[in-house]
Amino acid sequence: VQLVESGGGLVQPGGSLRLSCATSGFAFRRVCTYWYRYAPGKESELVAEMTTLGAGTSYADSVKGRFTVSRDTVWNTGYLQMNSLKPEDTAVYYCSARIDGVTHWGQGTQVTVSS
């Protein structure tokens, strides 16, 4: 099982980024996938999730209306589109998947929102 995030970087407030989570080794479309973020001095936050078969999505209140989670089941890749970014969105973002009771994580990608 592998999850590899990419797409992070430095962006100005109000800008956009799209994070990718390339997966392999499991039936991607059949599991729930999650995006978390960790910022220094703050508790971890579940930002977004997508249920099995992409049937449903949910978002943290802090990102609702700005972030959109999606997946491409041909390429087994998940995405987190982040718009109207704010400095408080600065964090390391991780994708994860829960498979047979075990949560697997990617290595994370840094997102920094600053002018």
N, C-alpha and C. Protein backbone atom coordinates (compact mmCIF):
# COMPACT_ATOMS: atom_id res chain seq x y z
N VAL A 1 0.85 -1.19 0.00
CA VAL A 1 0.00 0.00 0.00
C VAL A 1 0.88 1.24 0.00
N GLN A 2 0.61 2.12 -0.94
CA GLN A 2 1.36 3.38 -0.99
C GLN A 2 0.43 4.54 -1.25
N LEU A 3 0.70 5.64 -0.57
CA LEU A 3 0.04 6.91 -0.84
C LEU A 3 1.12 7.98 -0.92
N VAL A 4 1.12 8.73 -1.99
CA VAL A 4 2.16 9.73 -2.20
C VAL A 4 1.51 11.06 -2.54
N GLU A 5 1.68 12.04 -1.64
CA GLU A 5 1.11 13.35 -1.89
C GLU A 5 2.06 14.21 -2.70
N SER A 6 1.49 15.14 -3.41
CA SER A 6 2.28 16.14 -4.14
C SER A 6 1.40 17.36 -4.35
N GLY A 7 2.04 18.44 -4.80
CA GLY A 7 1.29 19.63 -5.15
C GLY A 7 1.36 20.76 -4.15
N GLY A 8 2.01 20.53 -3.01
CA GLY A 8 2.13 21.60 -2.05
C GLY A 8 3.09 22.67 -2.53
N GLY A 9 3.17 23.75 -1.75
CA GLY A 9 4.08 24.81 -2.10
C GLY A 9 3.73 26.09 -1.39
N LEU A 10 4.32 27.17 -1.86
CA LEU A 10 4.09 28.50 -1.30
C LEU A 10 3.11 29.24 -2.20
N VAL A 11 2.09 29.80 -1.60
CA VAL A 11 1.07 30.53 -2.37
C VAL A 11 0.65 31.75 -1.56
N GLN A 12 0.27 32.79 -2.26
CA GLN A 12 -0.20 34.00 -1.59
C GLN A 12 -1.63 33.83 -1.10
N PRO A 13 -1.99 34.58 -0.09
CA PRO A 13 -3.40 34.54 0.36
C PRO A 13 -4.34 34.82 -0.79
N GLY A 14 -5.41 34.04 -0.83
CA GLY A 14 -6.36 34.15 -1.93
C GLY A 14 -6.06 33.25 -3.10
N GLY A 15 -4.90 32.64 -3.09
CA GLY A 15 -4.50 31.78 -4.19
C GLY A 15 -5.06 30.38 -4.08
N SER A 16 -4.65 29.52 -5.02
CA SER A 16 -5.16 28.15 -5.09
C SER A 16 -4.02 27.17 -5.24
N LEU A 17 -4.26 25.97 -4.78
CA LEU A 17 -3.37 24.84 -4.99
C LEU A 17 -4.23 23.60 -5.15
N ARG A 18 -3.70 22.64 -5.89
CA ARG A 18 -4.36 21.34 -5.95
C ARG A 18 -3.37 20.28 -5.49
N LEU A 19 -3.73 19.61 -4.43
CA LEU A 19 -2.92 18.51 -3.91
C LEU A 19 -3.36 17.22 -4.56
N SER A 20 -2.40 16.34 -4.81
CA SER A 20 -2.68 15.02 -5.36
C SER A 20 -2.23 13.96 -4.39
N CYS A 21 -2.90 12.85 -4.43
CA CYS A 21 -2.54 11.68 -3.61
C CYS A 21 -2.56 10.47 -4.52
N ALA A 22 -1.40 10.08 -5.01
CA ALA A 22 -1.29 8.92 -5.88
C ALA A 22 -1.24 7.67 -5.04
N THR A 23 -2.08 6.70 -5.35
CA THR A 23 -2.17 5.50 -4.53
C THR A 23 -1.87 4.25 -5.34
N SER A 24 -1.47 3.21 -4.62
CA SER A 24 -1.25 1.91 -5.26
C SER A 24 -1.33 0.83 -4.19
N GLY A 25 -1.60 -0.38 -4.65
CA GLY A 25 -1.59 -1.51 -3.73
C GLY A 25 -2.92 -1.83 -3.08
N PHE A 26 -3.96 -1.10 -3.43
CA PHE A 26 -5.27 -1.41 -2.87
C PHE A 26 -6.34 -0.89 -3.81
N ALA A 27 -7.56 -1.36 -3.55
CA ALA A 27 -8.69 -0.97 -4.40
C ALA A 27 -9.15 0.42 -3.99
N PHE A 28 -8.56 1.41 -4.60
CA PHE A 28 -8.74 2.81 -4.23
C PHE A 28 -10.21 3.21 -4.18
N ARG A 29 -10.96 2.77 -5.16
CA ARG A 29 -12.35 3.24 -5.24
C ARG A 29 -13.23 2.61 -4.19
N ARG A 30 -12.72 1.61 -3.49
CA ARG A 30 -13.55 0.89 -2.52
C ARG A 30 -13.27 1.28 -1.08
N VAL A 31 -12.44 2.28 -0.86
CA VAL A 31 -12.15 2.69 0.51
C VAL A 31 -12.47 4.16 0.69
N CYS A 32 -12.64 4.52 1.96
CA CYS A 32 -12.76 5.94 2.28
C CYS A 32 -11.37 6.54 2.30
N THR A 33 -11.27 7.75 1.79
CA THR A 33 -9.99 8.45 1.81
C THR A 33 -10.16 9.77 2.54
N TYR A 34 -9.10 10.20 3.15
CA TYR A 34 -9.14 11.35 4.03
C TYR A 34 -7.97 12.30 3.75
N TRP A 35 -8.21 13.56 3.99
CA TRP A 35 -7.15 14.57 3.98
C TRP A 35 -7.09 15.20 5.37
N TYR A 36 -5.91 15.13 5.97
CA TYR A 36 -5.66 15.75 7.26
C TYR A 36 -4.62 16.83 7.08
N ARG A 37 -4.56 17.73 8.04
CA ARG A 37 -3.47 18.68 8.06
C ARG A 37 -2.96 18.86 9.49
N TYR A 38 -1.66 19.13 9.55
CA TYR A 38 -0.98 19.32 10.82
C TYR A 38 -0.20 20.62 10.73
N ALA A 39 -0.46 21.50 11.68
CA ALA A 39 0.26 22.76 11.74
C ALA A 39 0.93 22.87 13.11
N PRO A 40 2.11 23.46 13.17
CA PRO A 40 2.80 23.61 14.46
C PRO A 40 1.93 24.34 15.47
N GLY A 41 1.86 23.79 16.66
CA GLY A 41 1.10 24.43 17.72
C GLY A 41 -0.40 24.25 17.64
N LYS A 42 -0.84 23.48 16.66
CA LYS A 42 -2.29 23.24 16.51
C LYS A 42 -2.56 21.75 16.51
N GLU A 43 -3.78 21.42 16.83
CA GLU A 43 -4.18 20.01 16.76
C GLU A 43 -4.38 19.62 15.30
N SER A 44 -4.20 18.34 15.05
CA SER A 44 -4.45 17.86 13.70
C SER A 44 -5.92 18.07 13.35
N GLU A 45 -6.17 18.23 12.09
CA GLU A 45 -7.53 18.52 11.63
C GLU A 45 -7.88 17.65 10.43
N LEU A 46 -9.01 17.00 10.52
CA LEU A 46 -9.54 16.28 9.36
C LEU A 46 -10.17 17.32 8.44
N VAL A 47 -9.58 17.53 7.31
CA VAL A 47 -10.00 18.59 6.41
C VAL A 47 -11.14 18.13 5.51
N ALA A 48 -10.99 16.93 4.95
CA ALA A 48 -12.00 16.45 4.01
C ALA A 48 -11.95 14.95 3.94
N GLU A 49 -13.05 14.36 3.57
CA GLU A 49 -13.08 12.92 3.35
C GLU A 49 -14.03 12.60 2.22
N MET A 50 -13.73 11.47 1.62
CA MET A 50 -14.58 10.97 0.55
C MET A 50 -14.90 9.51 0.87
N THR A 51 -16.17 9.16 0.80
CA THR A 51 -16.57 7.80 1.16
C THR A 51 -16.30 6.84 0.01
N THR A 52 -16.54 5.57 0.29
CA THR A 52 -16.30 4.55 -0.73
C THR A 52 -17.09 4.84 -1.99
N LEU A 53 -16.46 4.51 -3.10
CA LEU A 53 -17.05 4.71 -4.43
C LEU A 53 -17.38 6.17 -4.69
N GLY A 54 -16.79 7.07 -3.90
CA GLY A 54 -17.02 8.49 -4.11
C GLY A 54 -18.45 8.91 -3.88
N ALA A 55 -19.16 8.15 -3.05
CA ALA A 55 -20.59 8.41 -2.88
C ALA A 55 -20.86 9.69 -2.11
N GLY A 56 -19.96 10.09 -1.25
CA GLY A 56 -20.21 11.28 -0.45
C GLY A 56 -18.93 11.94 -0.02
N THR A 57 -19.04 13.20 0.32
CA THR A 57 -17.90 13.96 0.79
C THR A 57 -18.30 14.76 2.02
N SER A 58 -17.34 15.10 2.83
CA SER A 58 -17.59 16.00 3.95
C SER A 58 -16.34 16.82 4.20
N TYR A 59 -16.55 17.97 4.83
CA TYR A 59 -15.47 18.93 5.01
C TYR A 59 -15.51 19.53 6.41
N ALA A 60 -14.34 19.92 6.87
CA ALA A 60 -14.28 20.70 8.10
C ALA A 60 -14.92 22.06 7.85
N ASP A 61 -15.51 22.61 8.87
CA ASP A 61 -16.15 23.93 8.73
C ASP A 61 -15.14 24.98 8.27
N SER A 62 -13.90 24.80 8.68
CA SER A 62 -12.87 25.81 8.37
C SER A 62 -12.55 25.89 6.88
N VAL A 63 -12.90 24.85 6.12
CA VAL A 63 -12.56 24.84 4.69
C VAL A 63 -13.79 24.72 3.80
N LYS A 64 -14.94 24.56 4.39
CA LYS A 64 -16.16 24.36 3.61
C LYS A 64 -16.38 25.53 2.66
N GLY A 65 -16.67 25.19 1.42
CA GLY A 65 -16.88 26.22 0.43
C GLY A 65 -15.61 26.67 -0.27
N ARG A 66 -14.46 26.27 0.25
CA ARG A 66 -13.18 26.65 -0.37
C ARG A 66 -12.42 25.44 -0.90
N PHE A 67 -12.56 24.31 -0.24
CA PHE A 67 -11.83 23.10 -0.62
C PHE A 67 -12.81 22.10 -1.24
N THR A 68 -12.30 21.35 -2.19
CA THR A 68 -13.10 20.30 -2.83
C THR A 68 -12.26 19.04 -2.97
N VAL A 69 -12.81 17.93 -2.49
CA VAL A 69 -12.11 16.65 -2.60
C VAL A 69 -12.71 15.88 -3.77
N SER A 70 -11.84 15.18 -4.48
CA SER A 70 -12.30 14.39 -5.62
C SER A 70 -11.34 13.22 -5.81
N ARG A 71 -11.68 12.36 -6.75
CA ARG A 71 -10.79 11.22 -7.04
C ARG A 71 -10.92 10.84 -8.50
N ASP A 72 -9.85 10.28 -9.01
CA ASP A 72 -9.82 9.73 -10.36
C ASP A 72 -9.56 8.24 -10.22
N THR A 73 -10.59 7.43 -10.45
CA THR A 73 -10.44 5.99 -10.22
C THR A 73 -9.70 5.29 -11.37
N VAL A 74 -9.48 5.99 -12.46
CA VAL A 74 -8.66 5.40 -13.53
C VAL A 74 -7.19 5.44 -13.11
N TRP A 75 -6.78 6.59 -12.56
CA TRP A 75 -5.40 6.76 -12.14
C TRP A 75 -5.19 6.50 -10.66
N ASN A 76 -6.26 6.07 -9.97
CA ASN A 76 -6.16 5.78 -8.52
C ASN A 76 -5.54 6.95 -7.76
N THR A 77 -6.01 8.11 -8.05
CA THR A 77 -5.45 9.32 -7.45
C THR A 77 -6.56 10.16 -6.83
N GLY A 78 -6.30 10.65 -5.64
CA GLY A 78 -7.21 11.57 -4.98
C GLY A 78 -6.69 12.99 -5.10
N TYR A 79 -7.60 13.94 -5.02
CA TYR A 79 -7.23 15.34 -5.16
C TYR A 79 -7.90 16.17 -4.07
N LEU A 80 -7.22 17.23 -3.70
CA LEU A 80 -7.80 18.22 -2.82
C LEU A 80 -7.56 19.59 -3.48
N GLN A 81 -8.61 20.14 -4.04
CA GLN A 81 -8.54 21.46 -4.65
C GLN A 81 -8.77 22.49 -3.56
N MET A 82 -7.82 23.38 -3.41
CA MET A 82 -7.89 24.38 -2.34
C MET A 82 -7.90 25.77 -2.96
N ASN A 83 -9.00 26.48 -2.75
CA ASN A 83 -9.15 27.83 -3.28
C ASN A 83 -9.25 28.84 -2.15
N SER A 84 -9.08 30.08 -2.48
CA SER A 84 -9.20 31.17 -1.49
C SER A 84 -8.38 30.86 -0.24
N LEU A 85 -7.16 30.48 -0.46
CA LEU A 85 -6.32 30.05 0.66
C LEU A 85 -6.02 31.19 1.60
N LYS A 86 -5.93 30.83 2.87
CA LYS A 86 -5.68 31.79 3.94
C LYS A 86 -4.40 31.40 4.67
N PRO A 87 -3.76 32.34 5.35
CA PRO A 87 -2.54 31.99 6.10
C PRO A 87 -2.78 30.86 7.11
N GLU A 88 -3.98 30.80 7.66
CA GLU A 88 -4.26 29.74 8.63
C GLU A 88 -4.40 28.36 7.99
N ASP A 89 -4.37 28.28 6.67
CA ASP A 89 -4.36 26.99 5.99
C ASP A 89 -2.94 26.41 5.92
N THR A 90 -1.96 27.18 6.34
CA THR A 90 -0.58 26.70 6.33
C THR A 90 -0.44 25.47 7.21
N ALA A 91 0.06 24.39 6.64
CA ALA A 91 0.18 23.13 7.36
C ALA A 91 0.83 22.10 6.45
N VAL A 92 1.16 20.97 7.03
CA VAL A 92 1.52 19.79 6.24
C VAL A 92 0.23 19.00 6.02
N TYR A 93 -0.05 18.69 4.77
CA TYR A 93 -1.27 17.99 4.42
C TYR A 93 -0.95 16.53 4.09
N TYR A 94 -1.76 15.65 4.65
CA TYR A 94 -1.58 14.22 4.46
C TYR A 94 -2.86 13.61 3.90
N CYS A 95 -2.69 12.67 3.00
CA CYS A 95 -3.84 11.85 2.63
C CYS A 95 -3.70 10.51 3.34
N SER A 96 -4.84 9.90 3.61
CA SER A 96 -4.83 8.60 4.27
C SER A 96 -5.99 7.76 3.78
N ALA A 97 -5.85 6.47 3.98
CA ALA A 97 -6.91 5.53 3.62
C ALA A 97 -6.97 4.44 4.67
N ARG A 98 -8.17 4.07 5.00
CA ARG A 98 -8.36 3.02 5.99
C ARG A 98 -8.69 1.72 5.26
N ILE A 99 -7.82 0.75 5.40
CA ILE A 99 -7.95 -0.51 4.66
C ILE A 99 -7.91 -1.66 5.65
N ASP A 100 -9.00 -2.41 5.69
CA ASP A 100 -9.08 -3.58 6.59
C ASP A 100 -8.70 -3.20 8.02
N GLY A 101 -9.19 -2.08 8.48
CA GLY A 101 -8.99 -1.67 9.86
C GLY A 101 -7.67 -0.98 10.13
N VAL A 102 -6.85 -0.82 9.13
CA VAL A 102 -5.53 -0.18 9.30
C VAL A 102 -5.52 1.12 8.51
N THR A 103 -5.06 2.19 9.15
CA THR A 103 -4.96 3.48 8.47
C THR A 103 -3.57 3.64 7.89
N HIS A 104 -3.53 3.89 6.59
CA HIS A 104 -2.26 4.10 5.89
C HIS A 104 -2.14 5.58 5.54
N TRP A 105 -0.91 6.09 5.62
CA TRP A 105 -0.65 7.51 5.42
C TRP A 105 0.38 7.73 4.32
N GLY A 106 0.26 8.87 3.69
CA GLY A 106 1.31 9.33 2.81
C GLY A 106 2.36 10.08 3.61
N GLN A 107 3.35 10.63 2.90
CA GLN A 107 4.46 11.29 3.58
C GLN A 107 4.18 12.76 3.88
N GLY A 108 3.11 13.29 3.30
CA GLY A 108 2.73 14.67 3.55
C GLY A 108 3.33 15.63 2.54
N THR A 109 2.66 16.76 2.38
CA THR A 109 3.16 17.82 1.51
C THR A 109 2.89 19.16 2.19
N GLN A 110 3.90 20.01 2.18
CA GLN A 110 3.81 21.29 2.90
C GLN A 110 3.05 22.31 2.05
N VAL A 111 2.10 22.96 2.70
CA VAL A 111 1.40 24.08 2.08
C VAL A 111 1.66 25.31 2.94
N THR A 112 2.18 26.34 2.33
CA THR A 112 2.46 27.58 3.04
C THR A 112 1.72 28.73 2.34
N VAL A 113 0.90 29.42 3.10
CA VAL A 113 0.14 30.54 2.55
C VAL A 113 0.67 31.81 3.20
N SER A 114 1.33 32.61 2.39
CA SER A 114 1.99 33.79 2.93
C SER A 114 2.23 34.80 1.83
N SER A 115 2.18 36.07 2.19
CA SER A 115 2.50 37.11 1.23
C SER A 115 3.97 37.49 1.35
